Amino acid sequence: MAKHPVPKQKTSKGRTSRRFKAFQNRARIRLADAVNLKKCSNCGDSARAHHICESCGFYRGKDVQGKVAKAEEKITTIKAD
């Protein structure tokens, strides 16, 4: 015999999905308030924590996306013409 309780019927797909959907909804509500904003160390604009700054492309004081270099290239090509 079984040593632990055993369900008498199979759990339906609808009941299972309802249970997990309720969990997802609670998690979404909890995570929606958890967006952390910080000031960018380079430009001072607000950016998400642990992400690249959208306006300047810097992360932890380093130019990650190369936006500054691209802007300088455009300036030098305009001056050269």
PDB file of N, CA and C in Angstrom:
ATOM      1  N   MET A   1       0.834  -1.191   0.000  1.00  0.00           N
ATOM      2  CA  MET A   1       0.000   0.000   0.000  1.00  0.00           C
ATOM      3  C   MET A   1       0.880   1.257   0.000  1.00  0.00           C
ATOM      4  N   ALA A   2       0.248   2.331  -0.453  1.00  0.00           N
ATOM      5  CA  ALA A   2       0.968   3.594  -0.522  1.00  0.00           C
ATOM      6  C   ALA A   2       1.164   4.174   0.868  1.00  0.00           C
ATOM      7  N   LYS A   3       2.332   4.760   1.092  1.00  0.00           N
ATOM      8  CA  LYS A   3       2.643   5.318   2.402  1.00  0.00           C
ATOM      9  C   LYS A   3       2.271   6.789   2.501  1.00  0.00           C
ATOM     10  N   HIS A   4       1.830   7.370   1.423  1.00  0.00           N
ATOM     11  CA  HIS A   4       1.438   8.779   1.450  1.00  0.00           C
ATOM     12  C   HIS A   4       0.111   8.927   0.717  1.00  0.00           C
ATOM     13  N   PRO A   5      -0.576  10.061   0.919  1.00  0.00           N
ATOM     14  CA  PRO A   5      -1.870  10.232   0.262  1.00  0.00           C
ATOM     15  C   PRO A   5      -1.725  10.292  -1.262  1.00  0.00           C
ATOM     16  N   VAL A   6      -2.638   9.638  -1.930  1.00  0.00           N
ATOM     17  CA  VAL A   6      -2.629   9.575  -3.382  1.00  0.00           C
ATOM     18  C   VAL A   6      -3.938  10.181  -3.884  1.00  0.00           C
ATOM     19  N   PRO A   7      -3.897  11.056  -4.887  1.00  0.00           N
ATOM     20  CA  PRO A   7      -5.139  11.640  -5.391  1.00  0.00           C
ATOM     21  C   PRO A   7      -6.032  10.579  -6.020  1.00  0.00           C
ATOM     22  N   LYS A   8      -7.336  10.733  -5.812  1.00  0.00           N
ATOM     23  CA  LYS A   8      -8.273   9.742  -6.336  1.00  0.00           C
ATOM     24  C   LYS A   8      -8.543   9.955  -7.819  1.00  0.00           C
ATOM     25  N   GLN A   9      -8.407  11.204  -8.280  1.00  0.00           N
ATOM     26  CA  GLN A   9      -8.673  11.491  -9.686  1.00  0.00           C
ATOM     27  C   GLN A   9      -7.534  12.318 -10.250  1.00  0.00           C
ATOM     28  N   LYS A  10      -7.428  12.282 -11.579  1.00  0.00           N
ATOM     29  CA  LYS A  10      -6.423  13.078 -12.267  1.00  0.00           C
ATOM     30  C   LYS A  10      -6.795  14.555 -12.182  1.00  0.00           C
ATOM     31  N   THR A  11      -5.818  15.410 -11.956  1.00  0.00           N
ATOM     32  CA  THR A  11      -6.061  16.846 -11.961  1.00  0.00           C
ATOM     33  C   THR A  11      -6.237  17.300 -13.401  1.00  0.00           C
ATOM     34  N   SER A  12      -7.338  17.956 -13.685  1.00  0.00           N
ATOM     35  CA  SER A  12      -7.631  18.352 -15.058  1.00  0.00           C
ATOM     36  C   SER A  12      -6.672  19.448 -15.524  1.00  0.00           C
ATOM     37  N   LYS A  13      -6.564  19.593 -16.843  1.00  0.00           N
ATOM     38  CA  LYS A  13      -5.678  20.604 -17.419  1.00  0.00           C
ATOM     39  C   LYS A  13      -6.144  22.009 -17.062  1.00  0.00           C
ATOM     40  N   GLY A  14      -7.449  22.195 -17.031  1.00  0.00           N
ATOM     41  CA  GLY A  14      -7.988  23.513 -16.686  1.00  0.00           C
ATOM     42  C   GLY A  14      -7.658  23.913 -15.261  1.00  0.00           C
ATOM     43  N   ARG A  15      -7.784  22.975 -14.348  1.00  0.00           N
ATOM     44  CA  ARG A  15      -7.483  23.266 -12.948  1.00  0.00           C
ATOM     45  C   ARG A  15      -5.995  23.558 -12.766  1.00  0.00           C
ATOM     46  N   THR A  16      -5.159  22.782 -13.450  1.00  0.00           N
ATOM     47  CA  THR A  16      -3.714  23.000 -13.360  1.00  0.00           C
ATOM     48  C   THR A  16      -3.339  24.361 -13.918  1.00  0.00           C
ATOM     49  N   SER A  17      -3.878  24.692 -15.092  1.00  0.00           N
ATOM     50  CA  SER A  17      -3.522  25.968 -15.712  1.00  0.00           C
ATOM     51  C   SER A  17      -4.048  27.148 -14.907  1.00  0.00           C
ATOM     52  N   ARG A  18      -5.216  26.992 -14.272  1.00  0.00           N
ATOM     53  CA  ARG A  18      -5.749  28.061 -13.414  1.00  0.00           C
ATOM     54  C   ARG A  18      -4.825  28.305 -12.233  1.00  0.00           C
ATOM     55  N   ARG A  19      -4.324  27.237 -11.652  1.00  0.00           N
ATOM     56  CA  ARG A  19      -3.443  27.376 -10.498  1.00  0.00           C
ATOM     57  C   ARG A  19      -2.155  28.108 -10.889  1.00  0.00           C
ATOM     58  N   PHE A  20      -1.556  27.722 -12.008  1.00  0.00           N
ATOM     59  CA  PHE A  20      -0.314  28.358 -12.428  1.00  0.00           C
ATOM     60  C   PHE A  20      -0.546  29.773 -12.934  1.00  0.00           C
ATOM     61  N   LYS A  21      -1.696  30.034 -13.530  1.00  0.00           N
ATOM     62  CA  LYS A  21      -2.000  31.393 -13.985  1.00  0.00           C
ATOM     63  C   LYS A  21      -2.131  32.336 -12.798  1.00  0.00           C
ATOM     64  N   ALA A  22      -2.727  31.855 -11.714  1.00  0.00           N
ATOM     65  CA  ALA A  22      -2.840  32.680 -10.508  1.00  0.00           C
ATOM     66  C   ALA A  22      -1.449  32.990  -9.951  1.00  0.00           C
ATOM     67  N   PHE A  23      -0.561  32.010 -10.001  1.00  0.00           N
ATOM     68  CA  PHE A  23       0.816  32.235  -9.536  1.00  0.00           C
ATOM     69  C   PHE A  23       1.514  33.263 -10.421  1.00  0.00           C
ATOM     70  N   GLN A  24       1.334  33.159 -11.743  1.00  0.00           N
ATOM     71  CA  GLN A  24       1.949  34.111 -12.658  1.00  0.00           C
ATOM     72  C   GLN A  24       1.440  35.522 -12.422  1.00  0.00           C
ATOM     73  N   ASN A  25       0.145  35.659 -12.187  1.00  0.00           N
ATOM     74  CA  ASN A  25      -0.416  36.986 -11.950  1.00  0.00           C
ATOM     75  C   ASN A  25       0.164  37.610 -10.686  1.00  0.00           C
ATOM     76  N   ARG A  26       0.291  36.819  -9.627  1.00  0.00           N
ATOM     77  CA  ARG A  26       0.886  37.341  -8.388  1.00  0.00           C
ATOM     78  C   ARG A  26       2.340  37.741  -8.610  1.00  0.00           C
ATOM     79  N   ALA A  27       3.075  36.937  -9.373  1.00  0.00           N
ATOM     80  CA  ALA A  27       4.483  37.240  -9.644  1.00  0.00           C
ATOM     81  C   ALA A  27       4.613  38.508 -10.486  1.00  0.00           C
ATOM     82  N   ARG A  28       3.733  38.687 -11.483  1.00  0.00           N
ATOM     83  CA  ARG A  28       3.778  39.884 -12.319  1.00  0.00           C
ATOM     84  C   ARG A  28       3.538  41.144 -11.494  1.00  0.00           C
ATOM     85  N   ILE A  29       2.568  41.082 -10.610  1.00  0.00           N
ATOM     86  CA  ILE A  29       2.261  42.242  -9.771  1.00  0.00           C
ATOM     87  C   ILE A  29       3.445  42.554  -8.862  1.00  0.00           C
ATOM     88  N   ARG A  30       4.061  41.516  -8.312  1.00  0.00           N
ATOM     89  CA  ARG A  30       5.197  41.703  -7.418  1.00  0.00           C
ATOM     90  C   ARG A  30       6.400  42.275  -8.165  1.00  0.00           C
ATOM     91  N   LEU A  31       6.642  41.803  -9.389  1.00  0.00           N
ATOM     92  CA  LEU A  31       7.803  42.253 -10.145  1.00  0.00           C
ATOM     93  C   LEU A  31       7.594  43.591 -10.828  1.00  0.00           C
ATOM     94  N   ALA A  32       6.351  43.982 -11.046  1.00  0.00           N
ATOM     95  CA  ALA A  32       6.087  45.265 -11.690  1.00  0.00           C
ATOM     96  C   ALA A  32       6.552  46.419 -10.825  1.00  0.00           C
ATOM     97  N   ASP A  33       6.501  46.257  -9.526  1.00  0.00           N
ATOM     98  CA  ASP A  33       6.935  47.307  -8.614  1.00  0.00           C
ATOM     99  C   ASP A  33       8.424  47.241  -8.327  1.00  0.00           C
ATOM    100  N   ALA A  34       9.121  46.227  -8.847  1.00  0.00           N
ATOM    101  CA  ALA A  34      10.513  45.998  -8.481  1.00  0.00           C
ATOM    102  C   ALA A  34      11.504  46.616  -9.456  1.00  0.00           C
ATOM    103  N   VAL A  35      11.073  47.483 -10.365  1.00  0.00           N
ATOM    104  CA  VAL A  35      11.995  48.102 -11.305  1.00  0.00           C
ATOM    105  C   VAL A  35      12.800  49.150 -10.557  1.00  0.00           C
ATOM    106  N   ASN A  36      14.119  48.939 -10.504  1.00  0.00           N
ATOM    107  CA  ASN A  36      14.997  49.855  -9.779  1.00  0.00           C
ATOM    108  C   ASN A  36      15.633  50.828 -10.756  1.00  0.00           C
ATOM    109  N   LEU A  37      15.465  52.115 -10.496  1.00  0.00           N
ATOM    110  CA  LEU A  37      16.086  53.142 -11.312  1.00  0.00           C
ATOM    111  C   LEU A  37      17.239  53.757 -10.544  1.00  0.00           C
ATOM    112  N   LYS A  38      18.300  54.100 -11.274  1.00  0.00           N
ATOM    113  CA  LYS A  38      19.452  54.757 -10.677  1.00  0.00           C
ATOM    114  C   LYS A  38      19.902  55.861 -11.616  1.00  0.00           C
ATOM    115  N   LYS A  39      20.771  56.733 -11.143  1.00  0.00           N
ATOM    116  CA  LYS A  39      21.306  57.788 -11.997  1.00  0.00           C
ATOM    117  C   LYS A  39      22.541  57.264 -12.715  1.00  0.00           C
ATOM    118  N   CYS A  40      22.634  57.579 -13.986  1.00  0.00           N
ATOM    119  CA  CYS A  40      23.802  57.179 -14.772  1.00  0.00           C
ATOM    120  C   CYS A  40      25.015  57.961 -14.276  1.00  0.00           C
ATOM    121  N   SER A  41      26.145  57.276 -14.121  1.00  0.00           N
ATOM    122  CA  SER A  41      27.346  57.946 -13.624  1.00  0.00           C
ATOM    123  C   SER A  41      27.945  58.871 -14.675  1.00  0.00           C
ATOM    124  N   ASN A  42      27.608  58.660 -15.936  1.00  0.00           N
ATOM    125  CA  ASN A  42      28.189  59.473 -17.008  1.00  0.00           C
ATOM    126  C   ASN A  42      27.330  60.697 -17.325  1.00  0.00           C
ATOM    127  N   CYS A  43      26.051  60.479 -17.635  1.00  0.00           N
ATOM    128  CA  CYS A  43      25.214  61.596 -18.093  1.00  0.00           C
ATOM    129  C   CYS A  43      24.235  62.090 -17.030  1.00  0.00           C
ATOM    130  N   GLY A  44      24.004  61.316 -15.973  1.00  0.00           N
ATOM    131  CA  GLY A  44      23.096  61.734 -14.922  1.00  0.00           C
ATOM    132  C   GLY A  44      21.641  61.431 -15.190  1.00  0.00           C
ATOM    133  N   ASP A  45      21.352  60.827 -16.318  1.00  0.00           N
ATOM    134  CA  ASP A  45      19.987  60.461 -16.668  1.00  0.00           C
ATOM    135  C   ASP A  45      19.586  59.214 -15.872  1.00  0.00           C
ATOM    136  N   SER A  46      18.293  59.010 -15.653  1.00  0.00           N
ATOM    137  CA  SER A  46      17.856  57.833 -14.916  1.00  0.00           C
ATOM    138  C   SER A  46      17.915  56.608 -15.826  1.00  0.00           C
ATOM    139  N   ALA A  47      18.422  55.501 -15.276  1.00  0.00           N
ATOM    140  CA  ALA A  47      18.554  54.254 -16.032  1.00  0.00           C
ATOM    141  C   ALA A  47      18.243  53.105 -15.100  1.00  0.00           C
ATOM    142  N   ARG A  48      17.884  51.952 -15.679  1.00  0.00           N
ATOM    143  CA  ARG A  48      17.614  50.775 -14.864  1.00  0.00           C
ATOM    144  C   ARG A  48      18.908  50.274 -14.242  1.00  0.00           C
ATOM    145  N   ALA A  49      18.808  49.728 -13.047  1.00  0.00           N
ATOM    146  CA  ALA A  49      19.985  49.207 -12.356  1.00  0.00           C
ATOM    147  C   ALA A  49      20.514  47.991 -13.109  1.00  0.00           C
ATOM    148  N   HIS A  50      21.826  47.880 -13.214  1.00  0.00           N
ATOM    149  CA  HIS A  50      22.522  46.762 -13.856  1.00  0.00           C
ATOM    150  C   HIS A  50      22.206  46.653 -15.341  1.00  0.00           C
ATOM    151  N   HIS A  51      21.906  47.783 -15.991  1.00  0.00           N
ATOM    152  CA  HIS A  51      21.645  47.807 -17.421  1.00  0.00           C
ATOM    153  C   HIS A  51      22.410  48.976 -18.040  1.00  0.00           C
ATOM    154  N   ILE A  52      22.583  48.922 -19.345  1.00  0.00           N
ATOM    155  CA  ILE A  52      23.239  50.001 -20.070  1.00  0.00           C
ATOM    156  C   ILE A  52      22.318  51.215 -20.090  1.00  0.00           C
ATOM    157  N   CYS A  53      22.906  52.389 -19.945  1.00  0.00           N
ATOM    158  CA  CYS A  53      22.128  53.631 -20.016  1.00  0.00           C
ATOM    159  C   CYS A  53      21.607  53.796 -21.439  1.00  0.00           C
ATOM    160  N   GLU A  54      20.313  54.070 -21.579  1.00  0.00           N
ATOM    161  CA  GLU A  54      19.696  54.192 -22.898  1.00  0.00           C
ATOM    162  C   GLU A  54      20.176  55.439 -23.641  1.00  0.00           C
ATOM    163  N   SER A  55      20.488  56.502 -22.916  1.00  0.00           N
ATOM    164  CA  SER A  55      20.809  57.759 -23.584  1.00  0.00           C
ATOM    165  C   SER A  55      22.273  57.848 -24.017  1.00  0.00           C
ATOM    166  N   CYS A  56      23.216  57.362 -23.194  1.00  0.00           N
ATOM    167  CA  CYS A  56      24.632  57.537 -23.547  1.00  0.00           C
ATOM    168  C   CYS A  56      25.353  56.231 -23.861  1.00  0.00           C
ATOM    169  N   GLY A  57      24.810  55.075 -23.475  1.00  0.00           N
ATOM    170  CA  GLY A  57      25.443  53.795 -23.800  1.00  0.00           C
ATOM    171  C   GLY A  57      26.541  53.385 -22.847  1.00  0.00           C
ATOM    172  N   PHE A  58      26.626  54.037 -21.673  1.00  0.00           N
ATOM    173  CA  PHE A  58      27.653  53.694 -20.699  1.00  0.00           C
ATOM    174  C   PHE A  58      27.114  52.710 -19.674  1.00  0.00           C
ATOM    175  N   TYR A  59      28.004  51.852 -19.161  1.00  0.00           N
ATOM    176  CA  TYR A  59      27.672  50.943 -18.059  1.00  0.00           C
ATOM    177  C   TYR A  59      28.879  50.859 -17.150  1.00  0.00           C
ATOM    178  N   ARG A  60      28.704  51.210 -15.906  1.00  0.00           N
ATOM    179  CA  ARG A  60      29.761  51.212 -14.887  1.00  0.00           C
ATOM    180  C   ARG A  60      30.977  52.019 -15.329  1.00  0.00           C
ATOM    181  N   GLY A  61      30.715  53.173 -15.940  1.00  0.00           N
ATOM    182  CA  GLY A  61      31.789  54.077 -16.325  1.00  0.00           C
ATOM    183  C   GLY A  61      32.491  53.735 -17.625  1.00  0.00           C
ATOM    184  N   LYS A  62      32.027  52.727 -18.353  1.00  0.00           N
ATOM    185  CA  LYS A  62      32.664  52.330 -19.607  1.00  0.00           C
ATOM    186  C   LYS A  62      31.678  52.481 -20.761  1.00  0.00           C
ATOM    187  N   ASP A  63      32.198  52.895 -21.912  1.00  0.00           N
ATOM    188  CA  ASP A  63      31.369  53.052 -23.109  1.00  0.00           C
ATOM    189  C   ASP A  63      31.166  51.674 -23.728  1.00  0.00           C
ATOM    190  N   VAL A  64      30.024  51.076 -23.469  1.00  0.00           N
ATOM    191  CA  VAL A  64      29.767  49.708 -23.899  1.00  0.00           C
ATOM    192  C   VAL A  64      29.288  49.666 -25.340  1.00  0.00           C
ATOM    193  N   GLN A  65      28.396  50.549 -25.707  1.00  0.00           N
ATOM    194  CA  GLN A  65      27.811  50.513 -27.041  1.00  0.00           C
ATOM    195  C   GLN A  65      28.614  51.297 -28.069  1.00  0.00           C
ATOM    196  N   GLY A  66      29.562  52.092 -27.629  1.00  0.00           N
ATOM    197  CA  GLY A  66      30.372  52.864 -28.574  1.00  0.00           C
ATOM    198  C   GLY A  66      29.647  54.058 -29.154  1.00  0.00           C
ATOM    199  N   LYS A  67      28.639  54.568 -28.468  1.00  0.00           N
ATOM    200  CA  LYS A  67      27.891  55.711 -28.986  1.00  0.00           C
ATOM    201  C   LYS A  67      28.756  56.964 -29.044  1.00  0.00           C
ATOM    202  N   VAL A  68      29.666  57.118 -28.083  1.00  0.00           N
ATOM    203  CA  VAL A  68      30.519  58.302 -28.058  1.00  0.00           C
ATOM    204  C   VAL A  68      31.471  58.269 -29.243  1.00  0.00           C
ATOM    205  N   ALA A  69      32.040  57.101 -29.526  1.00  0.00           N
ATOM    206  CA  ALA A  69      32.961  56.977 -30.654  1.00  0.00           C
ATOM    207  C   ALA A  69      32.244  57.239 -31.975  1.00  0.00           C
ATOM    208  N   LYS A  70      31.024  56.728 -32.119  1.00  0.00           N
ATOM    209  CA  LYS A  70      30.265  56.949 -33.343  1.00  0.00           C
ATOM    210  C   LYS A  70      29.935  58.424 -33.519  1.00  0.00           C
ATOM    211  N   ALA A  71      29.616  59.106 -32.428  1.00  0.00           N
ATOM    212  CA  ALA A  71      29.305  60.531 -32.508  1.00  0.00           C
ATOM    213  C   ALA A  71      30.547  61.324 -32.895  1.00  0.00           C
ATOM    214  N   GLU A  72      31.702  60.937 -32.354  1.00  0.00           N
ATOM    215  CA  GLU A  72      32.948  61.633 -32.701  1.00  0.00           C
ATOM    216  C   GLU A  72      33.313  61.390 -34.161  1.00  0.00           C
ATOM    217  N   GLU A  73      33.067  60.182 -34.699  1.00  0.00           N
ATOM    218  CA  GLU A  73      33.337  59.904 -36.099  1.00  0.00           C
ATOM    219  C   GLU A  73      32.488  60.786 -36.998  1.00  0.00           C
ATOM    220  N   LYS A  74      31.224  60.974 -36.640  1.00  0.00           N
ATOM    221  CA  LYS A  74      30.348  61.818 -37.434  1.00  0.00           C
ATOM    222  C   LYS A  74      30.843  63.261 -37.437  1.00  0.00           C
ATOM    223  N   ILE A  75      31.308  63.723 -36.290  1.00  0.00           N
ATOM    224  CA  ILE A  75      31.790  65.103 -36.190  1.00  0.00           C
ATOM    225  C   ILE A  75      33.027  65.280 -37.056  1.00  0.00           C
ATOM    226  N   THR A  76      33.954  64.317 -37.018  1.00  0.00           N
ATOM    227  CA  THR A  76      35.180  64.453 -37.802  1.00  0.00           C
ATOM    228  C   THR A  76      34.891  64.367 -39.296  1.00  0.00           C
ATOM    229  N   THR A  77      33.956  63.543 -39.720  1.00  0.00           N
ATOM    230  CA  THR A  77      33.633  63.452 -41.140  1.00  0.00           C
ATOM    231  C   THR A  77      32.933  64.728 -41.625  1.00  0.00           C
ATOM    232  N   ILE A  78      32.147  65.341 -40.791  1.00  0.00           N
ATOM    233  CA  ILE A  78      31.483  66.587 -41.181  1.00  0.00           C
ATOM    234  C   ILE A  78      32.515  67.697 -41.318  1.00  0.00           C
ATOM    235  N   LYS A  79      33.468  67.753 -40.382  1.00  0.00           N
ATOM    236  CA  LYS A  79      34.515  68.780 -40.449  1.00  0.00           C
ATOM    237  C   LYS A  79      35.415  68.576 -41.657  1.00  0.00           C
ATOM    238  N   ALA A  80      35.645  67.336 -42.040  1.00  0.00           N
ATOM    239  CA  ALA A  80      36.539  67.054 -43.156  1.00  0.00           C
ATOM    240  C   ALA A  80      35.932  67.470 -44.485  1.00  0.00           C
ATOM    241  N   ASP A  81      34.626  67.437 -44.592  1.00  0.00           N
ATOM    242  CA  ASP A  81      33.978  67.803 -45.861  1.00  0.00           C
ATOM    243  C   ASP A  81      34.060  69.269 -46.045  1.00  0.00           C
TER     244      ASP A  81
END
